[in-house]
PDB file of N, CA and C in Angstrom:
ATOM      1  N   MET A   1       0.833  -1.148   0.012  1.00  0.00           N
ATOM      2  CA  MET A   1      -0.055  -0.028  -0.039  1.00  0.00           C
ATOM      3  C   MET A   1       0.896   1.246  -0.011  1.00  0.00           C
ATOM      4  N   LEU A   2       0.581   2.214  -0.870  1.00  0.00           N
ATOM      5  CA  LEU A   2       1.249   3.519  -0.870  1.00  0.00           C
ATOM      6  C   LEU A   2       0.991   4.346   0.343  1.00  0.00           C
ATOM      7  N   GLY A   3       1.930   5.204   0.689  1.00  0.00           N
ATOM      8  CA  GLY A   3       1.663   6.198   1.681  1.00  0.00           C
ATOM      9  C   GLY A   3       1.065   7.471   0.969  1.00  0.00           C
ATOM     10  N   GLU A   4       0.537   8.289   1.775  1.00  0.00           N
ATOM     11  CA  GLU A   4      -0.161   9.563   1.260  1.00  0.00           C
ATOM     12  C   GLU A   4       0.707  10.377   0.315  1.00  0.00           C
ATOM     13  N   PHE A   5       1.965  10.651   0.676  1.00  0.00           N
ATOM     14  CA  PHE A   5       2.812  11.352  -0.187  1.00  0.00           C
ATOM     15  C   PHE A   5       3.250  10.691  -1.404  1.00  0.00           C
ATOM     16  N   GLU A   6       3.388   9.353  -1.365  1.00  0.00           N
ATOM     17  CA  GLU A   6       3.689   8.550  -2.535  1.00  0.00           C
ATOM     18  C   GLU A   6       2.573   8.606  -3.507  1.00  0.00           C
ATOM     19  N   TYR A   7       1.291   8.505  -2.999  1.00  0.00           N
ATOM     20  CA  TYR A   7       0.193   8.646  -3.842  1.00  0.00           C
ATOM     21  C   TYR A   7      -0.021   9.973  -4.521  1.00  0.00           C
ATOM     22  N   LEU A   8       0.266  10.983  -3.757  1.00  0.00           N
ATOM     23  CA  LEU A   8       0.126  12.315  -4.265  1.00  0.00           C
ATOM     24  C   LEU A   8       1.204  12.500  -5.337  1.00  0.00           C
ATOM     25  N   LEU A   9       2.441  12.124  -5.138  1.00  0.00           N
ATOM     26  CA  LEU A   9       3.500  12.265  -6.112  1.00  0.00           C
ATOM     27  C   LEU A   9       3.183  11.569  -7.371  1.00  0.00           C
ATOM     28  N   ILE A  10       2.713  10.290  -7.337  1.00  0.00           N
ATOM     29  CA  ILE A  10       2.382   9.486  -8.507  1.00  0.00           C
ATOM     30  C   ILE A  10       1.201  10.194  -9.244  1.00  0.00           C
ATOM     31  N   THR A  11       0.253  10.668  -8.554  1.00  0.00           N
ATOM     32  CA  THR A  11      -0.921  11.304  -9.193  1.00  0.00           C
ATOM     33  C   THR A  11      -0.575  12.564  -9.923  1.00  0.00           C
ATOM     34  N   VAL A  12       0.332  13.448  -9.217  1.00  0.00           N
ATOM     35  CA  VAL A  12       0.738  14.611  -9.877  1.00  0.00           C
ATOM     36  C   VAL A  12       1.655  14.321 -11.116  1.00  0.00           C
ATOM     37  N   ALA A  13       2.529  13.370 -11.043  1.00  0.00           N
ATOM     38  CA  ALA A  13       3.375  12.942 -12.153  1.00  0.00           C
ATOM     39  C   ALA A  13       2.580  12.499 -13.279  1.00  0.00           C
ATOM     40  N   ALA A  14       1.471  11.708 -12.965  1.00  0.00           N
ATOM     41  CA  ALA A  14       0.610  11.193 -14.100  1.00  0.00           C
ATOM     42  C   ALA A  14      -0.104  12.342 -14.708  1.00  0.00           C
ATOM     43  N   GLY A  15      -0.558  13.335 -13.945  1.00  0.00           N
ATOM     44  CA  GLY A  15      -1.331  14.545 -14.441  1.00  0.00           C
ATOM     45  C   GLY A  15      -0.338  15.386 -15.355  1.00  0.00           C
ATOM     46  N   LEU A  16       0.895  15.420 -14.994  1.00  0.00           N
ATOM     47  CA  LEU A  16       1.842  16.273 -15.723  1.00  0.00           C
ATOM     48  C   LEU A  16       2.330  15.596 -17.041  1.00  0.00           C
ATOM     49  N   GLY A  17       2.177  14.181 -17.166  1.00  0.00           N
ATOM     50  CA  GLY A  17       2.587  13.622 -18.309  1.00  0.00           C
ATOM     51  C   GLY A  17       3.999  13.815 -18.775  1.00  0.00           C
ATOM     52  N   ASP A  18       4.197  14.234 -19.932  1.00  0.00           N
ATOM     53  CA  ASP A  18       5.611  14.398 -20.455  1.00  0.00           C
ATOM     54  C   ASP A  18       6.325  15.624 -19.803  1.00  0.00           C
ATOM     55  N   SER A  19       5.605  16.407 -19.036  1.00  0.00           N
ATOM     56  CA  SER A  19       6.252  17.547 -18.392  1.00  0.00           C
ATOM     57  C   SER A  19       6.573  17.266 -16.974  1.00  0.00           C
ATOM     58  N   ALA A  20       6.564  15.925 -16.578  1.00  0.00           N
ATOM     59  CA  ALA A  20       6.819  15.625 -15.155  1.00  0.00           C
ATOM     60  C   ALA A  20       8.402  15.550 -14.916  1.00  0.00           C
ATOM     61  N   TYR A  21       8.786  16.365 -14.163  1.00  0.00           N
ATOM     62  CA  TYR A  21      10.188  16.314 -13.563  1.00  0.00           C
ATOM     63  C   TYR A  21      10.247  16.900 -12.192  1.00  0.00           C
ATOM     64  N   GLY A  22      11.273  16.796 -11.504  1.00  0.00           N
ATOM     65  CA  GLY A  22      11.393  17.175 -10.029  1.00  0.00           C
ATOM     66  C   GLY A  22      10.638  18.594  -9.732  1.00  0.00           C
ATOM     67  N   ALA A  23      11.021  19.668 -10.379  1.00  0.00           N
ATOM     68  CA  ALA A  23      10.488  20.969 -10.008  1.00  0.00           C
ATOM     69  C   ALA A  23       9.055  21.079 -10.375  1.00  0.00           C
ATOM     70  N   SER A  24       8.613  20.461 -11.524  1.00  0.00           N
ATOM     71  CA  SER A  24       7.245  20.698 -11.890  1.00  0.00           C
ATOM     72  C   SER A  24       6.299  19.818 -10.950  1.00  0.00           C
ATOM     73  N   ILE A  25       6.810  18.697 -10.463  1.00  0.00           N
ATOM     74  CA  ILE A  25       6.101  17.870  -9.545  1.00  0.00           C
ATOM     75  C   ILE A  25       5.995  18.558  -8.219  1.00  0.00           C
ATOM     76  N   ARG A  26       7.165  19.184  -7.726  1.00  0.00           N
ATOM     77  CA  ARG A  26       7.124  19.853  -6.496  1.00  0.00           C
ATOM     78  C   ARG A  26       6.175  21.036  -6.527  1.00  0.00           C
ATOM     79  N   GLU A  27       6.083  21.787  -7.596  1.00  0.00           N
ATOM     80  CA  GLU A  27       5.288  22.939  -7.756  1.00  0.00           C
ATOM     81  C   GLU A  27       3.840  22.565  -7.676  1.00  0.00           C
ATOM     82  N   GLU A  28       3.463  21.464  -8.503  1.00  0.00           N
ATOM     83  CA  GLU A  28       2.061  21.016  -8.527  1.00  0.00           C
ATOM     84  C   GLU A  28       1.659  20.372  -7.169  1.00  0.00           C
ATOM     85  N   LEU A  29       2.483  19.790  -6.419  1.00  0.00           N
ATOM     86  CA  LEU A  29       2.204  19.300  -5.069  1.00  0.00           C
ATOM     87  C   LEU A  29       1.924  20.445  -4.092  1.00  0.00           C
ATOM     88  N   ALA A  30       2.690  21.480  -4.269  1.00  0.00           N
ATOM     89  CA  ALA A  30       2.363  22.718  -3.380  1.00  0.00           C
ATOM     90  C   ALA A  30       1.052  23.341  -3.681  1.00  0.00           C
ATOM     91  N   VAL A  31       0.742  23.489  -4.941  1.00  0.00           N
ATOM     92  CA  VAL A  31      -0.571  24.010  -5.409  1.00  0.00           C
ATOM     93  C   VAL A  31      -1.774  23.138  -4.872  1.00  0.00           C
ATOM     94  N   ALA A  32      -1.518  21.733  -5.006  1.00  0.00           N
ATOM     95  CA  ALA A  32      -2.733  20.801  -4.635  1.00  0.00           C
ATOM     96  C   ALA A  32      -2.845  20.699  -3.226  1.00  0.00           C
ATOM     97  N   THR A  33      -1.771  20.742  -2.441  1.00  0.00           N
ATOM     98  CA  THR A  33      -1.909  20.423  -0.883  1.00  0.00           C
ATOM     99  C   THR A  33      -1.739  21.803  -0.069  1.00  0.00           C
ATOM    100  N   GLY A  34      -1.162  22.794  -0.670  1.00  0.00           N
ATOM    101  CA  GLY A  34      -1.005  24.007   0.097  1.00  0.00           C
ATOM    102  C   GLY A  34       0.266  23.953   1.046  1.00  0.00           C
ATOM    103  N   ARG A  35       1.053  22.888   0.789  1.00  0.00           N
ATOM    104  CA  ARG A  35       2.269  22.650   1.566  1.00  0.00           C
ATOM    105  C   ARG A  35       3.464  22.478   0.584  1.00  0.00           C
ATOM    106  N   ARG A  36       4.636  22.885   0.971  1.00  0.00           N
ATOM    107  CA  ARG A  36       5.848  22.689   0.132  1.00  0.00           C
ATOM    108  C   ARG A  36       6.537  21.480   0.688  1.00  0.00           C
ATOM    109  N   CYS A  37       7.206  20.719  -0.209  1.00  0.00           N
ATOM    110  CA  CYS A  37       7.975  19.716   0.324  1.00  0.00           C
ATOM    111  C   CYS A  37       9.397  20.053  -0.050  1.00  0.00           C
ATOM    112  N   SER A  38      10.372  19.485   0.718  1.00  0.00           N
ATOM    113  CA  SER A  38      11.773  19.659   0.475  1.00  0.00           C
ATOM    114  C   SER A  38      12.247  18.893  -0.778  1.00  0.00           C
ATOM    115  N   LEU A  39      13.255  19.363  -1.432  1.00  0.00           N
ATOM    116  CA  LEU A  39      13.810  18.574  -2.563  1.00  0.00           C
ATOM    117  C   LEU A  39      14.252  17.275  -2.117  1.00  0.00           C
ATOM    118  N   GLY A  40      14.876  17.152  -0.936  1.00  0.00           N
ATOM    119  CA  GLY A  40      15.273  15.922  -0.382  1.00  0.00           C
ATOM    120  C   GLY A  40      14.163  14.809  -0.251  1.00  0.00           C
ATOM    121  N   ALA A  41      13.086  15.304   0.307  1.00  0.00           N
ATOM    122  CA  ALA A  41      11.891  14.404   0.431  1.00  0.00           C
ATOM    123  C   ALA A  41      11.354  13.987  -0.933  1.00  0.00           C
ATOM    124  N   LEU A  42      11.404  14.918  -1.750  1.00  0.00           N
ATOM    125  CA  LEU A  42      10.878  14.637  -3.177  1.00  0.00           C
ATOM    126  C   LEU A  42      11.617  13.574  -3.827  1.00  0.00           C
ATOM    127  N   TYR A  43      12.955  13.749  -3.919  1.00  0.00           N
ATOM    128  CA  TYR A  43      13.894  12.948  -4.622  1.00  0.00           C
ATOM    129  C   TYR A  43      14.016  11.612  -3.911  1.00  0.00           C
ATOM    130  N   THR A  44      14.009  11.553  -2.618  1.00  0.00           N
ATOM    131  CA  THR A  44      13.983  10.305  -1.859  1.00  0.00           C
ATOM    132  C   THR A  44      12.808   9.456  -2.148  1.00  0.00           C
ATOM    133  N   THR A  45      11.706  10.146  -2.266  1.00  0.00           N
ATOM    134  CA  THR A  45      10.395   9.422  -2.653  1.00  0.00           C
ATOM    135  C   THR A  45      10.396   8.948  -4.073  1.00  0.00           C
ATOM    136  N   ILE A  46      10.890   9.716  -4.999  1.00  0.00           N
ATOM    137  CA  ILE A  46      10.982   9.423  -6.358  1.00  0.00           C
ATOM    138  C   ILE A  46      11.894   8.135  -6.499  1.00  0.00           C
ATOM    139  N   ASP A  47      13.026   8.116  -5.714  1.00  0.00           N
ATOM    140  CA  ASP A  47      14.105   6.987  -5.789  1.00  0.00           C
ATOM    141  C   ASP A  47      13.247   5.708  -5.299  1.00  0.00           C
ATOM    142  N   ARG A  48      12.624   5.905  -4.205  1.00  0.00           N
ATOM    143  CA  ARG A  48      11.987   4.746  -3.592  1.00  0.00           C
ATOM    144  C   ARG A  48      10.830   4.112  -4.506  1.00  0.00           C
ATOM    145  N   LEU A  49      10.055   5.047  -5.119  1.00  0.00           N
ATOM    146  CA  LEU A  49       9.016   4.550  -5.990  1.00  0.00           C
ATOM    147  C   LEU A  49       9.573   3.929  -7.223  1.00  0.00           C
ATOM    148  N   GLU A  50      10.815   4.424  -7.730  1.00  0.00           N
ATOM    149  CA  GLU A  50      11.430   3.791  -8.928  1.00  0.00           C
ATOM    150  C   GLU A  50      11.925   2.455  -8.540  1.00  0.00           C
ATOM    151  N   THR A  51      12.539   2.282  -7.316  1.00  0.00           N
ATOM    152  CA  THR A  51      13.022   1.031  -6.872  1.00  0.00           C
ATOM    153  C   THR A  51      11.828  -0.021  -6.803  1.00  0.00           C
ATOM    154  N   LYS A  52      10.654   0.465  -6.323  1.00  0.00           N
ATOM    155  CA  LYS A  52       9.462  -0.403  -6.335  1.00  0.00           C
ATOM    156  C   LYS A  52       8.890  -0.682  -7.728  1.00  0.00           C
ATOM    157  N   GLY A  53       9.398  -0.055  -8.790  1.00  0.00           N
ATOM    158  CA  GLY A  53       8.832  -0.190 -10.085  1.00  0.00           C
ATOM    159  C   GLY A  53       7.626   0.577 -10.459  1.00  0.00           C
ATOM    160  N   LEU A  54       7.338   1.568  -9.559  1.00  0.00           N
ATOM    161  CA  LEU A  54       6.057   2.432  -9.724  1.00  0.00           C
ATOM    162  C   LEU A  54       6.372   3.678 -10.651  1.00  0.00           C
ATOM    163  N   LEU A  55       7.631   4.028 -10.807  1.00  0.00           N
ATOM    164  CA  LEU A  55       8.015   5.168 -11.557  1.00  0.00           C
ATOM    165  C   LEU A  55       9.199   4.861 -12.420  1.00  0.00           C
ATOM    166  N   GLU A  56       9.488   5.500 -13.423  1.00  0.00           N
ATOM    167  CA  GLU A  56      10.756   5.335 -14.233  1.00  0.00           C
ATOM    168  C   GLU A  56      11.228   6.758 -14.290  1.00  0.00           C
ATOM    169  N   THR A  57      12.583   6.906 -14.288  1.00  0.00           N
ATOM    170  CA  THR A  57      13.177   8.250 -14.488  1.00  0.00           C
ATOM    171  C   THR A  57      14.341   8.084 -15.469  1.00  0.00           C
ATOM    172  N   TRP A  58      14.584   9.216 -16.152  1.00  0.00           N
ATOM    173  CA  TRP A  58      15.674   9.314 -17.083  1.00  0.00           C
ATOM    174  C   TRP A  58      16.118  10.817 -17.077  1.00  0.00           C
ATOM    175  N   MET A  59      17.301  11.034 -17.612  1.00  0.00           N
ATOM    176  CA  MET A  59      17.799  12.344 -17.799  1.00  0.00           C
ATOM    177  C   MET A  59      17.403  12.947 -19.082  1.00  0.00           C
ATOM    178  N   GLY A  60      16.564  14.072 -19.081  1.00  0.00           N
ATOM    179  CA  GLY A  60      16.223  14.678 -20.275  1.00  0.00           C
ATOM    180  C   GLY A  60      17.295  15.526 -20.901  1.00  0.00           C
ATOM    181  N   ASP A  61      17.056  16.386 -21.810  1.00  0.00           N
ATOM    182  CA  ASP A  61      18.040  17.210 -22.486  1.00  0.00           C
ATOM    183  C   ASP A  61      18.407  18.484 -21.504  1.00  0.00           C
ATOM    184  N   ALA A  62      19.567  18.894 -21.687  1.00  0.00           N
ATOM    185  CA  ALA A  62      19.979  20.138 -20.964  1.00  0.00           C
ATOM    186  C   ALA A  62      19.225  21.389 -21.553  1.00  0.00           C
ATOM    187  N   THR A  63      18.807  22.274 -20.712  1.00  0.00           N
ATOM    188  CA  THR A  63      18.140  23.427 -21.171  1.00  0.00           C
ATOM    189  C   THR A  63      18.770  24.686 -20.758  1.00  0.00           C
ATOM    190  N   PRO A  64      18.716  25.740 -21.621  1.00  0.00           N
ATOM    191  CA  PRO A  64      19.454  27.009 -21.157  1.00  0.00           C
ATOM    192  C   PRO A  64      18.679  27.569 -19.981  1.00  0.00           C
ATOM    193  N   GLN A  65      17.306  27.387 -19.705  1.00  0.00           N
ATOM    194  CA  GLN A  65      16.651  27.910 -18.629  1.00  0.00           C
ATOM    195  C   GLN A  65      17.242  27.383 -17.234  1.00  0.00           C
ATOM    196  N   ARG A  66      17.859  26.202 -17.334  1.00  0.00           N
ATOM    197  CA  ARG A  66      18.408  25.612 -16.190  1.00  0.00           C
ATOM    198  C   ARG A  66      19.869  25.640 -16.178  1.00  0.00           C
ATOM    199  N   GLY A  67      20.453  26.623 -16.905  1.00  0.00           N
ATOM    200  CA  GLY A  67      21.963  26.849 -16.902  1.00  0.00           C
ATOM    201  C   GLY A  67      22.643  25.684 -17.567  1.00  0.00           C
ATOM    202  N   GLY A  68      21.970  24.990 -18.500  1.00  0.00           N
ATOM    203  CA  GLY A  68      22.660  23.845 -19.232  1.00  0.00           C
ATOM    204  C   GLY A  68      22.507  22.598 -18.520  1.00  0.00           C
ATOM    205  N   ARG A  69      21.790  22.571 -17.370  1.00  0.00           N
ATOM    206  CA  ARG A  69      21.607  21.256 -16.611  1.00  0.00           C
ATOM    207  C   ARG A  69      20.397  20.476 -17.204  1.00  0.00           C
ATOM    208  N   ALA A  70      20.492  19.234 -17.174  1.00  0.00           N
ATOM    209  CA  ALA A  70      19.424  18.312 -17.634  1.00  0.00           C
ATOM    210  C   ALA A  70      18.397  18.131 -16.519  1.00  0.00           C
ATOM    211  N   LYS A  71      17.190  17.849 -16.940  1.00  0.00           N
ATOM    212  CA  LYS A  71      16.033  17.590 -16.075  1.00  0.00           C
ATOM    213  C   LYS A  71      16.003  16.076 -15.772  1.00  0.00           C
ATOM    214  N   ARG A  72      15.699  15.634 -14.560  1.00  0.00           N
ATOM    215  CA  ARG A  72      15.240  14.298 -14.381  1.00  0.00           C
ATOM    216  C   ARG A  72      13.834  14.074 -14.576  1.00  0.00           C
ATOM    217  N   MET A  73      13.523  13.445 -15.684  1.00  0.00           N
ATOM    218  CA  MET A  73      12.194  13.190 -16.071  1.00  0.00           C
ATOM    219  C   MET A  73      11.595  12.018 -15.405  1.00  0.00           C
ATOM    220  N   VAL A  74      10.214  12.112 -15.100  1.00  0.00           N
ATOM    221  CA  VAL A  74       9.535  11.045 -14.433  1.00  0.00           C
ATOM    222  C   VAL A  74       8.340  10.517 -15.124  1.00  0.00           C
ATOM    223  N   ARG A  75       8.245   9.250 -15.248  1.00  0.00           N
ATOM    224  CA  ARG A  75       6.990   8.588 -15.846  1.00  0.00           C
ATOM    225  C   ARG A  75       6.524   7.601 -14.953  1.00  0.00           C
ATOM    226  N   VAL A  76       5.108   7.520 -14.667  1.00  0.00           N
ATOM    227  CA  VAL A  76       4.418   6.615 -13.958  1.00  0.00           C
ATOM    228  C   VAL A  76       4.380   5.308 -14.879  1.00  0.00           C
ATOM    229  N   THR A  77       4.637   4.109 -14.209  1.00  0.00           N
ATOM    230  CA  THR A  77       4.610   2.809 -14.905  1.00  0.00           C
ATOM    231  C   THR A  77       3.160   2.243 -14.705  1.00  0.00           C
ATOM    232  N   PRO A  78       2.835   1.318 -15.494  1.00  0.00           N
ATOM    233  CA  PRO A  78       1.509   0.574 -15.283  1.00  0.00           C
ATOM    234  C   PRO A  78       1.345   0.111 -13.845  1.00  0.00           C
ATOM    235  N   LYS A  79       2.455  -0.446 -13.192  1.00  0.00           N
ATOM    236  CA  LYS A  79       2.399  -0.898 -11.870  1.00  0.00           C
ATOM    237  C   LYS A  79       2.112   0.292 -10.943  1.00  0.00           C
ATOM    238  N   GLY A  80       2.612   1.482 -11.249  1.00  0.00           N
ATOM    239  CA  GLY A  80       2.364   2.637 -10.407  1.00  0.00           C
ATOM    240  C   GLY A  80       0.922   3.191 -10.610  1.00  0.00           C
ATOM    241  N   VAL A  81       0.387   3.027 -11.801  1.00  0.00           N
ATOM    242  CA  VAL A  81      -1.002   3.379 -11.963  1.00  0.00           C
ATOM    243  C   VAL A  81      -1.957   2.496 -11.180  1.00  0.00           C
ATOM    244  N   ARG A  82      -1.625   1.185 -11.126  1.00  0.00           N
ATOM    245  CA  ARG A  82      -2.362   0.208 -10.399  1.00  0.00           C
ATOM    246  C   ARG A  82      -2.259   0.567  -8.836  1.00  0.00           C
ATOM    247  N   ALA A  83      -1.171   0.856  -8.388  1.00  0.00           N
ATOM    248  CA  ALA A  83      -0.906   1.136  -7.051  1.00  0.00           C
ATOM    249  C   ALA A  83      -1.665   2.400  -6.662  1.00  0.00           C
ATOM    250  N   ALA A  84      -1.630   3.447  -7.466  1.00  0.00           N
ATOM    251  CA  ALA A  84      -2.347   4.679  -7.107  1.00  0.00           C
ATOM    252  C   ALA A  84      -3.921   4.405  -7.078  1.00  0.00           C
ATOM    253  N   SER A  85      -4.333   3.722  -8.180  1.00  0.00           N
ATOM    254  CA  SER A  85      -5.761   3.317  -8.253  1.00  0.00           C
ATOM    255  C   SER A  85      -6.220   2.545  -7.000  1.00  0.00           C
ATOM    256  N   ASP A  86      -5.423   1.589  -6.580  1.00  0.00           N
ATOM    257  CA  ASP A  86      -5.699   0.825  -5.397  1.00  0.00           C
ATOM    258  C   ASP A  86      -5.719   1.645  -4.122  1.00  0.00           C
ATOM    259  N   PHE A  87      -4.883   2.571  -4.013  1.00  0.00           N
ATOM    260  CA  PHE A  87      -4.915   3.548  -2.836  1.00  0.00           C
ATOM    261  C   PHE A  87      -6.121   4.349  -2.832  1.00  0.00           C
ATOM    262  N   TYR A  88      -6.463   4.926  -4.086  1.00  0.00           N
ATOM    263  CA  TYR A  88      -7.658   5.821  -4.243  1.00  0.00           C
ATOM    264  C   TYR A  88      -8.924   5.075  -3.817  1.00  0.00           C
ATOM    265  N   ASP A  89      -9.013   3.865  -4.377  1.00  0.00           N
ATOM    266  CA  ASP A  89     -10.251   2.889  -4.066  1.00  0.00           C
ATOM    267  C   ASP A  89     -10.248   2.680  -2.524  1.00  0.00           C
ATOM    268  N   ALA A  90      -9.155   2.348  -1.951  1.00  0.00           N
ATOM    269  CA  ALA A  90      -9.184   2.114  -0.446  1.00  0.00           C
ATOM    270  C   ALA A  90      -9.621   3.264   0.285  1.00  0.00           C
ATOM    271  N   VAL A  91      -9.112   4.460   0.023  1.00  0.00           N
ATOM    272  CA  VAL A  91      -9.510   5.724   0.598  1.00  0.00           C
ATOM    273  C   VAL A  91     -10.945   5.934   0.402  1.00  0.00           C
ATOM    274  N   SER A  92     -11.402   5.813  -0.758  1.00  0.00           N
ATOM    275  CA  SER A  92     -12.825   5.978  -1.087  1.00  0.00           C
ATOM    276  C   SER A  92     -13.770   5.034  -0.310  1.00  0.00           C
ATOM    277  N   ARG A  93     -13.399   3.843  -0.154  1.00  0.00           N
ATOM    278  CA  ARG A  93     -14.108   2.838   0.634  1.00  0.00           C
ATOM    279  C   ARG A  93     -14.193   3.198   1.997  1.00  0.00           C
ATOM    280  N   VAL A  94     -13.100   3.518   2.682  1.00  0.00           N
ATOM    281  CA  VAL A  94     -13.120   3.741   4.110  1.00  0.00           C
ATOM    282  C   VAL A  94     -13.707   5.108   4.462  1.00  0.00           C
ATOM    283  N   SER A  95     -13.832   6.017   3.417  1.00  0.00           N
ATOM    284  CA  SER A  95     -14.400   7.371   3.568  1.00  0.00           C
ATOM    285  C   SER A  95     -15.898   7.234   3.528  1.00  0.00           C
ATOM    286  N   ARG A  96     -16.553   6.328   2.948  1.00  0.00           N
ATOM    287  CA  ARG A  96     -17.953   6.197   2.966  1.00  0.00           C
ATOM    288  C   ARG A  96     -18.473   6.151   4.384  1.00  0.00           C
ATOM    289  N   GLY A  97     -19.496   6.939   4.659  1.00  0.00           N
ATOM    290  CA  GLY A  97     -20.000   6.999   5.983  1.00  0.00           C
ATOM    291  C   GLY A  97     -19.441   8.070   6.863  1.00  0.00           C
ATOM    292  N   ALA A  98     -18.231   8.560   6.502  1.00  0.00           N
ATOM    293  CA  ALA A  98     -17.684   9.647   7.325  1.00  0.00           C
ATOM    294  C   ALA A  98     -18.563  10.890   7.095  1.00  0.00           C
ATOM    295  N   SER A  99     -18.686  11.748   8.232  1.00  0.00           N
ATOM    296  CA  SER A  99     -19.600  12.828   8.067  1.00  0.00           C
ATOM    297  C   SER A  99     -19.214  13.705   6.966  1.00  0.00           C
ATOM    298  N   TRP A 100     -17.965  14.070   6.737  1.00  0.00           N
ATOM    299  CA  TRP A 100     -17.522  14.976   5.697  1.00  0.00           C
ATOM    300  C   TRP A 100     -17.749  14.347   4.283  1.00  0.00           C
ATOM    301  N   ALA A 101     -17.721  13.065   4.206  1.00  0.00           N
ATOM    302  CA  ALA A 101     -17.884  12.427   2.868  1.00  0.00           C
ATOM    303  C   ALA A 101     -19.440  12.269   2.551  1.00  0.00           C
ATOM    304  N   VAL A 102     -20.252  12.171   3.660  1.00  0.00           N
ATOM    305  CA  VAL A 102     -21.693  11.953   3.431  1.00  0.00           C
ATOM    306  C   VAL A 102     -22.448  13.274   3.070  1.00  0.00           C
ATOM    307  N   ASN A 103     -22.170  14.303   3.763  1.00  0.00           N
ATOM    308  CA  ASN A 103     -22.914  15.630   3.454  1.00  0.00           C
ATOM    309  C   ASN A 103     -21.993  16.724   2.937  1.00  0.00           C
ATOM    310  N   GLY A 104     -20.733  16.542   3.089  1.00  0.00           N
ATOM    311  CA  GLY A 104     -19.880  17.545   2.488  1.00  0.00           C
ATOM    312  C   GLY A 104     -19.841  18.945   3.265  1.00  0.00           C
ATOM    313  N   THR A 105     -20.527  19.009   4.365  1.00  0.00           N
ATOM    314  CA  THR A 105     -20.590  20.269   5.024  1.00  0.00           C
ATOM    315  C   THR A 105     -19.892  20.331   6.378  1.00  0.00           C
ATOM    316  N   GLU A 106     -19.819  19.168   6.973  1.00  0.00           N
ATOM    317  CA  GLU A 106     -19.083  19.110   8.326  1.00  0.00           C
ATOM    318  C   GLU A 106     -17.522  18.919   8.109  1.00  0.00           C
ATOM    319  N   SER A 107     -16.816  19.545   8.876  1.00  0.00           N
ATOM    320  CA  SER A 107     -15.350  19.336   8.858  1.00  0.00           C
ATOM    321  C   SER A 107     -14.933  18.880  10.101  1.00  0.00           C
ATOM    322  N   PRO A 108     -13.878  17.865  10.138  1.00  0.00           N
ATOM    323  CA  PRO A 108     -13.537  17.345  11.471  1.00  0.00           C
ATOM    324  C   PRO A 108     -12.676  18.460  12.220  1.00  0.00           C
ATOM    325  N   SER A 109     -12.781  18.371  13.503  1.00  0.00           N
ATOM    326  CA  SER A 109     -12.241  19.313  14.425  1.00  0.00           C
ATOM    327  C   SER A 109     -10.770  18.936  14.773  1.00  0.00           C
TER     328      SER A 109
END
């Protein structure tokens, strides 16, 4: 089972498609969650997900915008899609019946 941050990272990478790389993923995570993650946490999680076969990474071309440095591109594997889908399904199942999921107006204290 994925952890919350792993799920968020895979989901953001999938949404970014061919534009998924460290900085773009980090930016989208901040927009989606309202929280910033450190580069260390981001790349440690990317490495872990790649080791599990849930992501693939490769070095893209160097760009002038990055001072000639290459981007580490990220792609979600079919196994990663299944893992994220399983996580989403599990959260949806356990959320049924929770007050905030039932009527959408109450928030937990």
